[in-house]
Structure formats: structure tokens, C-alpha cells
Amino acid sequence: MGETTDPIETKYGYDIIKLVERFTAGIPAFDEVEQHVEGFLYDQKIQPAMRAYLTQLRKDSYVVIAPGYVDSGAERPSDAVLAKKEK
């Protein structure tokens, strides 16, 4: 770590390379990536459910959109179709 090369001539000029980090070659062990995989799968499942829940809360609540503002949380047609398919 921290090793540097001598100047290397390239077509763009000279480069000096410094080793900052090393990685082992190949596929990482499952134990090393398990939390990342679980987080990814959880996010994949929770996002549509969270969107449907928040959309339902907005429908059940009293919301007034002032003139000149855009309701960025409004239900989009594609969300309504997905929510009905999941039920």
C-alpha cells in the first residue's frame, strides 16, 4: 500500500501510479456480501409497498395544493395499475 511507480510515458504525457487499495481477485465469499444482498432485496420489496402505503395515506388525508405548486407525491397512473395488480 502506498507504493508508487516510476514515471510512465503515455501518449498523453507522463503518469505516476500510486497503489491505494488492493482487492482479491474472483468472486467474493457470500459472507462478505450477504448484508449488501439482503439490503438490496429488502429495498426492492419495500419500495413498491412504501409507495402504495404513502399513496393511500395521501388519498385518506386532506391535502390542499396551493396555486403554482406541483404535487410531486400524487399518484401516477402507473402506480395505480401496479397497486391493483398486487392486491
Protein backbone atom coordinates (compact mmCIF):
# COMPACT_ATOMS: atom_id res chain seq x y z
CA MET A 1 0.00 0.00 0.00
CA GLY A 2 1.18 3.47 -0.77
CA GLU A 3 3.71 2.24 -3.35
CA THR A 4 4.31 4.47 -6.37
CA THR A 5 5.71 3.69 -9.80
CA ASP A 6 8.42 5.48 -11.67
CA PRO A 7 7.10 7.90 -14.28
CA ILE A 8 5.39 6.01 -17.12
CA GLU A 9 5.29 7.63 -20.55
CA THR A 10 1.89 7.56 -22.26
CA LYS A 11 0.57 9.30 -25.36
CA TYR A 12 -0.85 11.99 -23.06
CA GLY A 13 2.40 12.63 -21.17
CA TYR A 14 3.89 11.05 -18.09
CA ASP A 15 1.87 9.29 -15.37
CA ILE A 16 2.82 8.20 -11.88
CA ILE A 17 0.62 5.50 -10.37
CA LYS A 18 0.07 5.07 -6.62
CA LEU A 19 -1.37 1.89 -5.08
CA VAL A 20 -4.18 2.94 -2.75
CA GLU A 21 -6.12 -0.27 -2.18
CA ARG A 22 -5.92 -3.96 -3.05
CA PHE A 23 -8.79 -6.31 -3.81
CA THR A 24 -8.65 -10.08 -4.01
CA ALA A 25 -9.43 -11.47 -7.42
CA GLY A 26 -12.53 -13.52 -8.11
CA ILE A 27 -16.00 -13.72 -6.67
CA PRO A 28 -16.25 -12.60 -3.02
CA ALA A 29 -17.48 -15.07 -0.42
CA PHE A 30 -21.18 -14.88 0.37
CA ASP A 31 -20.42 -13.92 3.97
CA GLU A 32 -18.70 -10.76 2.70
CA VAL A 33 -21.64 -9.62 0.55
CA GLU A 34 -24.58 -11.09 2.49
CA GLN A 35 -25.63 -7.80 4.11
CA HIS A 36 -25.40 -5.98 0.78
CA VAL A 37 -27.56 -8.62 -0.93
CA GLU A 38 -30.12 -8.61 1.89
CA GLY A 39 -30.30 -4.80 1.78
CA PHE A 40 -30.76 -4.82 -1.98
CA LEU A 41 -33.56 -7.41 -1.84
CA TYR A 42 -35.25 -5.60 1.07
CA ASP A 43 -35.19 -2.28 -0.82
CA GLN A 44 -36.55 -3.98 -3.93
CA LYS A 45 -39.53 -5.32 -1.96
CA ILE A 46 -40.18 -2.31 0.29
CA GLN A 47 -40.17 0.46 -2.34
CA PRO A 48 -43.43 -0.52 -4.10
CA ALA A 49 -45.13 -1.29 -0.77
CA MET A 50 -44.00 2.02 0.72
CA ARG A 51 -45.17 3.93 -2.36
CA ALA A 52 -48.61 2.26 -2.20
CA TYR A 53 -48.88 2.97 1.55
CA LEU A 54 -47.95 6.64 1.13
CA THR A 55 -50.35 6.99 -1.81
CA GLN A 56 -53.16 5.57 0.32
CA LEU A 57 -52.31 7.96 3.16
CA ARG A 58 -52.49 10.87 0.73
CA LYS A 59 -55.90 9.70 -0.52
CA ASP A 60 -57.22 9.41 3.04
CA SER A 61 -55.88 12.80 4.15
CA TYR A 62 -56.92 16.36 3.43
CA VAL A 63 -54.30 17.93 1.17
CA VAL A 64 -54.62 21.33 -0.47
CA ILE A 65 -52.25 22.15 -3.31
CA ALA A 66 -51.68 25.89 -3.48
CA PRO A 67 -51.78 27.50 -6.94
CA GLY A 68 -48.40 27.40 -8.65
CA TYR A 69 -47.18 24.29 -6.81
CA VAL A 70 -46.87 20.76 -8.18
CA ASP A 71 -48.00 17.74 -6.19
CA SER A 72 -44.88 15.59 -6.52
CA GLY A 73 -46.42 12.87 -4.35
CA ALA A 74 -49.57 12.46 -6.40
CA GLU A 75 -50.45 9.01 -7.64
CA ARG A 76 -49.25 8.37 -11.14
CA PRO A 77 -51.36 6.19 -13.44
CA SER A 78 -48.65 3.52 -13.48
CA ASP A 79 -48.70 3.36 -9.65
CA ALA A 80 -52.46 2.80 -9.60
CA VAL A 81 -52.18 -0.07 -12.08
CA LEU A 82 -49.35 -1.70 -10.10
CA ALA A 83 -51.20 -1.33 -6.79
CA LYS A 84 -54.30 -3.04 -8.21
CA LYS A 85 -52.26 -5.90 -9.66
CA GLU A 86 -50.56 -6.56 -6.29
CA LYS A 87 -53.91 -6.96 -4.47
